[in-house]
Structures are given as structure tokens and as C-alpha cells.
Amino acid sequence: EDFGITPLEAMASGRPVIAVGQGGALDTVIPGVTGE
């Protein structure tokens, strides 16, 4: 995704995210902190 709002909705719910390491997810998914 260019950005990806769905991962932020999961994080707002306190849950980690497992995302493909490309696109906008690289700005929000922090390995070991908010997901992998």
C-alpha cells in the first residue's frame, strides 16, 4: 500500500501487525515493537 490505514487501526487496538516489508507499512510497522 502507499500508506495503509488498516494497520494503524489494528495498532490503535493494541495488536501487532505482520506486513509485507514494502510500501507504506515501512513507516508504521516497527519490528519487535508494533509487529514484524
Full PDB file with SEQRES, HELIX, SHEET, SSBOND, CRYST1, ORIGX, SCALE, CONECT and MASTER records, all heavy atoms in Angstrom:
SEQRES   1 A   36  GLU ASP PHE GLY ILE THR PRO LEU GLU ALA MET ALA SER          
SEQRES   2 A   36  GLY ARG PRO VAL ILE ALA VAL GLY GLN GLY GLY ALA LEU          
SEQRES   3 A   36  ASP THR VAL ILE PRO GLY VAL THR GLY GLU                      
HELIX    1 AA1 ILE A    5  ALA A   12  1                                   8    
HELIX    2 AA2 ALA A   25  THR A   28  1                                   4    
CRYST1    1.000    1.000    1.000  90.00  90.00  90.00 P 1           1          
ORIGX1      1.000000  0.000000  0.000000        0.00000                         
ORIGX2      0.000000  1.000000  0.000000        0.00000                         
ORIGX3      0.000000  0.000000  1.000000        0.00000                         
SCALE1      1.000000  0.000000  0.000000        0.00000                         
SCALE2      0.000000  1.000000  0.000000        0.00000                         
SCALE3      0.000000  0.000000  1.000000        0.00000                         
ATOM      1  N   GLU A   1       0.834  -1.202   0.000  1.00  0.00           N  
ATOM      2  CA  GLU A   1       0.000   0.000   0.000  1.00  0.00           C  
ATOM      3  C   GLU A   1       0.869   1.252   0.000  1.00  0.00           C  
ATOM      4  O   GLU A   1       1.988   1.247   0.503  1.00  0.00           O  
ATOM      5  CB  GLU A   1      -0.891   0.022   1.248  1.00  0.00           C  
ATOM      6  CG  GLU A   1      -1.739  -1.232   1.451  1.00  0.00           C  
ATOM      7  CD  GLU A   1      -3.027  -1.207   0.645  1.00  0.00           C  
ATOM      8  OE1 GLU A   1      -3.203  -0.269  -0.168  1.00  0.00           O  
ATOM      9  OE2 GLU A   1      -3.856  -2.108   0.837  1.00  0.00           O  
ATOM     10  N   ASP A   2       0.303   2.357  -0.524  1.00  0.00           N  
ATOM     11  CA  ASP A   2       1.007   3.638  -0.445  1.00  0.00           C  
ATOM     12  C   ASP A   2       1.161   4.084   0.999  1.00  0.00           C  
ATOM     13  O   ASP A   2       2.164   4.678   1.375  1.00  0.00           O  
ATOM     14  CB  ASP A   2       0.254   4.715  -1.237  1.00  0.00           C  
ATOM     15  CG  ASP A   2       0.436   4.552  -2.733  1.00  0.00           C  
ATOM     16  OD1 ASP A   2       1.314   3.778  -3.148  1.00  0.00           O  
ATOM     17  OD2 ASP A   2      -0.306   5.199  -3.493  1.00  0.00           O  
ATOM     18  N   PHE A   3       0.156   3.823   1.814  1.00  0.00           N  
ATOM     19  CA  PHE A   3       0.247   4.121   3.243  1.00  0.00           C  
ATOM     20  C   PHE A   3      -0.306   2.950   4.052  1.00  0.00           C  
ATOM     21  O   PHE A   3       0.433   2.190   4.640  1.00  0.00           O  
ATOM     22  CB  PHE A   3      -0.495   5.420   3.596  1.00  0.00           C  
ATOM     23  CG  PHE A   3      -0.498   5.704   5.073  1.00  0.00           C  
ATOM     24  CD1 PHE A   3       0.677   6.033   5.721  1.00  0.00           C  
ATOM     25  CD2 PHE A   3      -1.670   5.609   5.819  1.00  0.00           C  
ATOM     26  CE1 PHE A   3       0.694   6.268   7.094  1.00  0.00           C  
ATOM     27  CE2 PHE A   3      -1.668   5.853   7.180  1.00  0.00           C  
ATOM     28  CZ  PHE A   3      -0.478   6.178   7.813  1.00  0.00           C  
ATOM     29  N   GLY A   4      -1.620   2.786   4.080  1.00  0.00           N  
ATOM     30  CA  GLY A   4      -2.232   1.685   4.810  1.00  0.00           C  
ATOM     31  C   GLY A   4      -2.809   2.131   6.136  1.00  0.00           C  
ATOM     32  O   GLY A   4      -2.089   2.233   7.132  1.00  0.00           O  
ATOM     33  N   ILE A   5      -4.117   2.418   6.158  1.00  0.00           N  
ATOM     34  CA  ILE A   5      -4.784   2.826   7.392  1.00  0.00           C  
ATOM     35  C   ILE A   5      -5.133   1.616   8.260  1.00  0.00           C  
ATOM     36  O   ILE A   5      -5.075   1.696   9.493  1.00  0.00           O  
ATOM     37  CB  ILE A   5      -6.043   3.654   7.070  1.00  0.00           C  
ATOM     38  CG1 ILE A   5      -5.627   5.028   6.529  1.00  0.00           C  
ATOM     39  CG2 ILE A   5      -6.928   3.822   8.300  1.00  0.00           C  
ATOM     40  CD1 ILE A   5      -6.773   5.938   6.175  1.00  0.00           C  
ATOM     41  N   THR A   6      -5.459   0.480   7.636  1.00  0.00           N  
ATOM     42  CA  THR A   6      -5.841  -0.708   8.395  1.00  0.00           C  
ATOM     43  C   THR A   6      -4.799  -1.117   9.440  1.00  0.00           C  
ATOM     44  O   THR A   6      -5.168  -1.436  10.581  1.00  0.00           O  
ATOM     45  CB  THR A   6      -6.135  -1.881   7.445  1.00  0.00           C  
ATOM     46  OG1 THR A   6      -7.132  -1.489   6.503  1.00  0.00           O  
ATOM     47  CG2 THR A   6      -6.639  -3.090   8.204  1.00  0.00           C  
ATOM     48  N   PRO A   7      -3.506  -1.123   9.116  1.00  0.00           N  
ATOM     49  CA  PRO A   7      -2.518  -1.453  10.154  1.00  0.00           C  
ATOM     50  C   PRO A   7      -2.580  -0.511  11.353  1.00  0.00           C  
ATOM     51  O   PRO A   7      -2.403  -0.944  12.496  1.00  0.00           O  
ATOM     52  CB  PRO A   7      -1.178  -1.329   9.426  1.00  0.00           C  
ATOM     53  CG  PRO A   7      -1.498  -1.516   8.010  1.00  0.00           C  
ATOM     54  CD  PRO A   7      -2.865  -0.945   7.805  1.00  0.00           C  
ATOM     55  N   LEU A   8      -2.852   0.769  11.114  1.00  0.00           N  
ATOM     56  CA  LEU A   8      -2.938   1.726  12.219  1.00  0.00           C  
ATOM     57  C   LEU A   8      -4.184   1.480  13.059  1.00  0.00           C  
ATOM     58  O   LEU A   8      -4.168   1.690  14.279  1.00  0.00           O  
ATOM     59  CB  LEU A   8      -2.945   3.157  11.680  1.00  0.00           C  
ATOM     60  CG  LEU A   8      -1.589   3.857  11.549  1.00  0.00           C  
ATOM     61  CD1 LEU A   8      -0.890   3.952  12.902  1.00  0.00           C  
ATOM     62  CD2 LEU A   8      -0.699   3.185  10.538  1.00  0.00           C  
ATOM     63  N   GLU A   9      -5.262   1.010  12.438  1.00  0.00           N  
ATOM     64  CA  GLU A   9      -6.454   0.664  13.202  1.00  0.00           C  
ATOM     65  C   GLU A   9      -6.174  -0.528  14.115  1.00  0.00           C  
ATOM     66  O   GLU A   9      -6.639  -0.575  15.257  1.00  0.00           O  
ATOM     67  CB  GLU A   9      -7.610   0.364  12.249  1.00  0.00           C  
ATOM     68  CG  GLU A   9      -8.087   1.597  11.486  1.00  0.00           C  
ATOM     69  CD  GLU A   9      -9.163   1.295  10.475  1.00  0.00           C  
ATOM     70  OE1 GLU A   9      -9.269   0.123  10.035  1.00  0.00           O  
ATOM     71  OE2 GLU A   9      -9.925   2.215  10.102  1.00  0.00           O  
ATOM     72  N   ALA A  10      -5.407  -1.498  13.614  1.00  0.00           N  
ATOM     73  CA  ALA A  10      -5.019  -2.636  14.454  1.00  0.00           C  
ATOM     74  C   ALA A  10      -4.132  -2.169  15.606  1.00  0.00           C  
ATOM     75  O   ALA A  10      -4.302  -2.594  16.752  1.00  0.00           O  
ATOM     76  CB  ALA A  10      -4.295  -3.682  13.617  1.00  0.00           C  
ATOM     77  N   MET A  11      -3.192  -1.279  15.313  1.00  0.00           N  
ATOM     78  CA  MET A  11      -2.296  -0.772  16.358  1.00  0.00           C  
ATOM     79  C   MET A  11      -3.061   0.053  17.384  1.00  0.00           C  
ATOM     80  O   MET A  11      -2.762   0.013  18.583  1.00  0.00           O  
ATOM     81  CB  MET A  11      -1.183   0.062  15.726  1.00  0.00           C  
ATOM     82  CG  MET A  11      -0.221  -0.727  14.875  1.00  0.00           C  
ATOM     83  SD  MET A  11       1.019   0.358  14.111  1.00  0.00           S  
ATOM     84  CE  MET A  11       1.553  -0.681  12.752  1.00  0.00           C  
ATOM     85  N   ALA A  12      -4.060   0.814  16.927  1.00  0.00           N  
ATOM     86  CA  ALA A  12      -4.894   1.571  17.864  1.00  0.00           C  
ATOM     87  C   ALA A  12      -5.653   0.632  18.790  1.00  0.00           C  
ATOM     88  O   ALA A  12      -6.058   1.025  19.885  1.00  0.00           O  
ATOM     89  CB  ALA A  12      -5.877   2.461  17.099  1.00  0.00           C  
ATOM     90  N   SER A  13      -5.824  -0.623  18.351  1.00  0.00           N  
ATOM     91  CA  SER A  13      -6.468  -1.648  19.169  1.00  0.00           C  
ATOM     92  C   SER A  13      -5.453  -2.416  20.014  1.00  0.00           C  
ATOM     93  O   SER A  13      -5.809  -3.402  20.675  1.00  0.00           O  
ATOM     94  CB  SER A  13      -7.232  -2.629  18.264  1.00  0.00           C  
ATOM     95  OG  SER A  13      -8.117  -1.948  17.405  1.00  0.00           O  
ATOM     96  N   GLY A  14      -4.196  -1.990  19.962  1.00  0.00           N  
ATOM     97  CA  GLY A  14      -3.158  -2.624  20.757  1.00  0.00           C  
ATOM     98  C   GLY A  14      -2.619  -3.925  20.197  1.00  0.00           C  
ATOM     99  O   GLY A  14      -1.914  -4.657  20.885  1.00  0.00           O  
ATOM    100  N   ARG A  15      -2.914  -4.234  18.928  1.00  0.00           N  
ATOM    101  CA  ARG A  15      -2.500  -5.502  18.352  1.00  0.00           C  
ATOM    102  C   ARG A  15      -1.382  -5.322  17.332  1.00  0.00           C  
ATOM    103  O   ARG A  15      -1.364  -4.340  16.593  1.00  0.00           O  
ATOM    104  CB  ARG A  15      -3.689  -6.205  17.674  1.00  0.00           C  
ATOM    105  CG  ARG A  15      -4.875  -6.467  18.573  1.00  0.00           C  
ATOM    106  CD  ARG A  15      -4.479  -7.083  19.917  1.00  0.00           C  
ATOM    107  NE  ARG A  15      -3.638  -8.263  19.782  1.00  0.00           N  
ATOM    108  CZ  ARG A  15      -2.794  -8.710  20.725  1.00  0.00           C  
ATOM    109  NH1 ARG A  15      -2.681  -8.052  21.871  1.00  0.00           N  
ATOM    110  NH2 ARG A  15      -2.089  -9.790  20.516  1.00  0.00           N  
ATOM    111  N   PRO A  16      -0.424  -6.256  17.292  1.00  0.00           N  
ATOM    112  CA  PRO A  16       0.692  -6.154  16.351  1.00  0.00           C  
ATOM    113  C   PRO A  16       0.252  -6.448  14.921  1.00  0.00           C  
ATOM    114  O   PRO A  16      -0.809  -7.032  14.683  1.00  0.00           O  
ATOM    115  CB  PRO A  16       1.672  -7.218  16.860  1.00  0.00           C  
ATOM    116  CG  PRO A  16       0.816  -8.214  17.572  1.00  0.00           C  
ATOM    117  CD  PRO A  16      -0.313  -7.432  18.177  1.00  0.00           C  
ATOM    118  N   VAL A  17       1.110  -6.052  13.988  1.00  0.00           N  
ATOM    119  CA  VAL A  17       0.826  -6.212  12.564  1.00  0.00           C  
ATOM    120  C   VAL A  17       1.973  -6.980  11.909  1.00  0.00           C  
ATOM    121  O   VAL A  17       3.147  -6.706  12.173  1.00  0.00           O  
ATOM    122  CB  VAL A  17       0.663  -4.839  11.879  1.00  0.00           C  
ATOM    123  CG1 VAL A  17       0.452  -5.000  10.376  1.00  0.00           C  
ATOM    124  CG2 VAL A  17      -0.509  -4.071  12.500  1.00  0.00           C  
ATOM    125  N   ILE A  18       1.612  -7.927  11.058  1.00  0.00           N  
ATOM    126  CA  ILE A  18       2.597  -8.650  10.241  1.00  0.00           C  
ATOM    127  C   ILE A  18       2.363  -8.198   8.805  1.00  0.00           C  
ATOM    128  O   ILE A  18       1.329  -8.512   8.212  1.00  0.00           O  
ATOM    129  CB  ILE A  18       2.425 -10.169  10.363  1.00  0.00           C  
ATOM    130  CG1 ILE A  18       2.557 -10.607  11.828  1.00  0.00           C  
ATOM    131  CG2 ILE A  18       3.450 -10.901   9.501  1.00  0.00           C  
ATOM    132  CD1 ILE A  18       2.198 -12.071  12.060  1.00  0.00           C  
ATOM    133  N   ALA A  19       3.296  -7.434   8.245  1.00  0.00           N  
ATOM    134  CA  ALA A  19       3.082  -6.814   6.940  1.00  0.00           C  
ATOM    135  C   ALA A  19       4.230  -7.128   5.991  1.00  0.00           C  
ATOM    136  O   ALA A  19       5.381  -7.316   6.420  1.00  0.00           O  
ATOM    137  CB  ALA A  19       2.954  -5.290   7.084  1.00  0.00           C  
ATOM    138  N   VAL A  20       3.901  -7.166   4.699  1.00  0.00           N  
ATOM    139  CA  VAL A  20       4.965  -7.279   3.708  1.00  0.00           C  
ATOM    140  C   VAL A  20       5.849  -6.038   3.826  1.00  0.00           C  
ATOM    141  O   VAL A  20       5.350  -4.913   3.972  1.00  0.00           O  
ATOM    142  CB  VAL A  20       4.381  -7.442   2.285  1.00  0.00           C  
ATOM    143  CG1 VAL A  20       3.551  -6.237   1.860  1.00  0.00           C  
ATOM    144  CG2 VAL A  20       5.483  -7.712   1.269  1.00  0.00           C  
ATOM    145  N   GLY A  21       7.158  -6.229   3.792  1.00  0.00           N  
ATOM    146  CA  GLY A  21       8.087  -5.137   4.061  1.00  0.00           C  
ATOM    147  C   GLY A  21       8.328  -4.240   2.875  1.00  0.00           C  
ATOM    148  O   GLY A  21       9.481  -4.021   2.470  1.00  0.00           O  
ATOM    149  N   GLN A  22       7.263  -3.696   2.321  1.00  0.00           N  
ATOM    150  CA  GLN A  22       7.348  -2.775   1.193  1.00  0.00           C  
ATOM    151  C   GLN A  22       6.247  -1.731   1.330  1.00  0.00           C  
ATOM    152  O   GLN A  22       5.236  -1.977   1.993  1.00  0.00           O  
ATOM    153  CB  GLN A  22       7.200  -3.522  -0.139  1.00  0.00           C  
ATOM    154  CG  GLN A  22       8.233  -4.611  -0.375  1.00  0.00           C  
ATOM    155  CD  GLN A  22       7.998  -5.339  -1.681  1.00  0.00           C  
ATOM    156  OE1 GLN A  22       7.855  -4.730  -2.738  1.00  0.00           O  
ATOM    157  NE2 GLN A  22       7.947  -6.663  -1.613  1.00  0.00           N  
ATOM    158  N   GLY A  23       6.426  -0.585   0.691  1.00  0.00           N  
ATOM    159  CA  GLY A  23       5.386   0.436   0.683  1.00  0.00           C  
ATOM    160  C   GLY A  23       5.248   1.162   2.001  1.00  0.00           C  
ATOM    161  O   GLY A  23       6.183   1.258   2.804  1.00  0.00           O  
ATOM    162  N   GLY A  24       4.040   1.661   2.257  1.00  0.00           N  
ATOM    163  CA  GLY A  24       3.789   2.495   3.420  1.00  0.00           C  
ATOM    164  C   GLY A  24       3.928   1.788   4.743  1.00  0.00           C  
ATOM    165  O   GLY A  24       4.119   2.443   5.780  1.00  0.00           O  
ATOM    166  N   ALA A  25       3.846   0.454   4.766  1.00  0.00           N  
ATOM    167  CA  ALA A  25       3.974  -0.285   6.021  1.00  0.00           C  
ATOM    168  C   ALA A  25       5.331  -0.056   6.677  1.00  0.00           C  
ATOM    169  O   ALA A  25       5.459  -0.154   7.903  1.00  0.00           O  
ATOM    170  CB  ALA A  25       3.757  -1.776   5.778  1.00  0.00           C  
ATOM    171  N   LEU A  26       6.338   0.270   5.885  1.00  0.00           N  
ATOM    172  CA  LEU A  26       7.674   0.501   6.433  1.00  0.00           C  
ATOM    173  C   LEU A  26       7.705   1.732   7.333  1.00  0.00           C  
ATOM    174  O   LEU A  26       8.617   1.871   8.151  1.00  0.00           O  
ATOM    175  CB  LEU A  26       8.689   0.658   5.294  1.00  0.00           C  
ATOM    176  CG  LEU A  26       8.951  -0.610   4.468  1.00  0.00           C  
ATOM    177  CD1 LEU A  26       9.874  -0.291   3.296  1.00  0.00           C  
ATOM    178  CD2 LEU A  26       9.547  -1.711   5.333  1.00  0.00           C  
ATOM    179  N   ASP A  27       6.726   2.625   7.203  1.00  0.00           N  
ATOM    180  CA  ASP A  27       6.667   3.819   8.046  1.00  0.00           C  
ATOM    181  C   ASP A  27       6.018   3.544   9.393  1.00  0.00           C  
ATOM    182  O   ASP A  27       6.211   4.307  10.345  1.00  0.00           O  
ATOM    183  CB  ASP A  27       5.868   4.935   7.343  1.00  0.00           C  
ATOM    184  CG  ASP A  27       6.638   5.583   6.202  1.00  0.00           C  
ATOM    185  OD1 ASP A  27       7.717   5.073   5.843  1.00  0.00           O  
ATOM    186  OD2 ASP A  27       6.152   6.584   5.659  1.00  0.00           O  
ATOM    187  N   THR A  28       5.235   2.475   9.499  1.00  0.00           N  
ATOM    188  CA  THR A  28       4.432   2.278  10.710  1.00  0.00           C  
ATOM    189  C   THR A  28       4.708   0.968  11.443  1.00  0.00           C  
ATOM    190  O   THR A  28       4.518   0.893  12.652  1.00  0.00           O  
ATOM    191  CB  THR A  28       2.927   2.343  10.372  1.00  0.00           C  
ATOM    192  OG1 THR A  28       2.622   1.356   9.371  1.00  0.00           O  
ATOM    193  CG2 THR A  28       2.554   3.716   9.834  1.00  0.00           C  
ATOM    194  N   VAL A  29       5.111  -0.071  10.729  1.00  0.00           N  
ATOM    195  CA  VAL A  29       5.368  -1.365  11.361  1.00  0.00           C  
ATOM    196  C   VAL A  29       6.830  -1.426  11.793  1.00  0.00           C  
ATOM    197  O   VAL A  29       7.734  -1.525  10.962  1.00  0.00           O  
ATOM    198  CB  VAL A  29       5.030  -2.534  10.418  1.00  0.00           C  
ATOM    199  CG1 VAL A  29       5.293  -3.870  11.120  1.00  0.00           C  
ATOM    200  CG2 VAL A  29       3.579  -2.456   9.957  1.00  0.00           C  
ATOM    201  N   ILE A  30       7.052  -1.339  13.083  1.00  0.00           N  
ATOM    202  CA  ILE A  30       8.407  -1.341  13.650  1.00  0.00           C  
ATOM    203  C   ILE A  30       8.696  -2.741  14.184  1.00  0.00           C  
ATOM    204  O   ILE A  30       8.066  -3.172  15.158  1.00  0.00           O  
ATOM    205  CB  ILE A  30       8.535  -0.312  14.778  1.00  0.00           C  
ATOM    206  CG1 ILE A  30       8.092   1.070  14.283  1.00  0.00           C  
ATOM    207  CG2 ILE A  30       9.946  -0.266  15.330  1.00  0.00           C  
ATOM    208  CD1 ILE A  30       7.929   2.093  15.396  1.00  0.00           C  
ATOM    209  N   PRO A  31       9.608  -3.477  13.559  1.00  0.00           N  
ATOM    210  CA  PRO A  31       9.886  -4.840  14.002  1.00  0.00           C  
ATOM    211  C   PRO A  31      10.249  -4.902  15.482  1.00  0.00           C  
ATOM    212  O   PRO A  31      11.039  -4.105  15.980  1.00  0.00           O  
ATOM    213  CB  PRO A  31      11.079  -5.258  13.122  1.00  0.00           C  
ATOM    214  CG  PRO A  31      10.897  -4.457  11.863  1.00  0.00           C  
ATOM    215  CD  PRO A  31      10.372  -3.127  12.342  1.00  0.00           C  
ATOM    216  N   GLY A  32       9.619  -5.831  16.181  1.00  0.00           N  
ATOM    217  CA  GLY A  32       9.864  -6.012  17.596  1.00  0.00           C  
ATOM    218  C   GLY A  32       9.076  -5.078  18.492  1.00  0.00           C  
ATOM    219  O   GLY A  32       9.077  -5.241  19.710  1.00  0.00           O  
ATOM    220  N   VAL A  33       8.405  -4.082  17.906  1.00  0.00           N  
ATOM    221  CA  VAL A  33       7.654  -3.095  18.697  1.00  0.00           C  
ATOM    222  C   VAL A  33       6.173  -3.122  18.327  1.00  0.00           C  
ATOM    223  O   VAL A  33       5.308  -3.378  19.172  1.00  0.00           O  
ATOM    224  CB  VAL A  33       8.226  -1.674  18.514  1.00  0.00           C  
ATOM    225  CG1 VAL A  33       7.421  -0.672  19.360  1.00  0.00           C  
ATOM    226  CG2 VAL A  33       9.693  -1.633  18.894  1.00  0.00           C  
ATOM    227  N   THR A  34       5.857  -2.833  17.060  1.00  0.00           N  
ATOM    228  CA  THR A  34       4.460  -2.828  16.617  1.00  0.00           C  
ATOM    229  C   THR A  34       4.133  -4.013  15.721  1.00  0.00           C  
ATOM    230  O   THR A  34       3.011  -4.116  15.226  1.00  0.00           O  
ATOM    231  CB  THR A  34       4.120  -1.525  15.867  1.00  0.00           C  
ATOM    232  OG1 THR A  34       4.939  -1.441  14.685  1.00  0.00           O  
ATOM    233  CG2 THR A  34       4.375  -0.314  16.741  1.00  0.00           C  
ATOM    234  N   GLY A  35       5.075  -4.894  15.505  1.00  0.00           N  
ATOM    235  CA  GLY A  35       4.822  -6.063  14.669  1.00  0.00           C  
ATOM    236  C   GLY A  35       6.079  -6.548  13.987  1.00  0.00           C  
ATOM    237  O   GLY A  35       7.182  -6.310  14.465  1.00  0.00           O  
ATOM    238  N   GLU A  36       5.891  -7.195  12.833  1.00  0.00           N  
ATOM    239  CA  GLU A  36       7.007  -7.732  12.067  1.00  0.00           C  
ATOM    240  C   GLU A  36       6.717  -7.561  10.578  1.00  0.00           C  
ATOM    241  O   GLU A  36       5.557  -7.409  10.178  1.00  0.00           O  
ATOM    242  CB  GLU A  36       7.237  -9.214  12.373  1.00  0.00           C  
ATOM    243  CG  GLU A  36       7.505  -9.534  13.832  1.00  0.00           C  
ATOM    244  CD  GLU A  36       8.795  -8.924  14.374  1.00  0.00           C  
ATOM    245  OE1 GLU A  36       9.702  -8.630  13.563  1.00  0.00           O  
ATOM    246  OE2 GLU A  36       8.890  -8.735  15.596  1.00  0.00           O  
TER     247      GLU A  36                                                      
MASTER        0    0    0    2    0    0    0    6  246    1    0    3          
END                                                                             
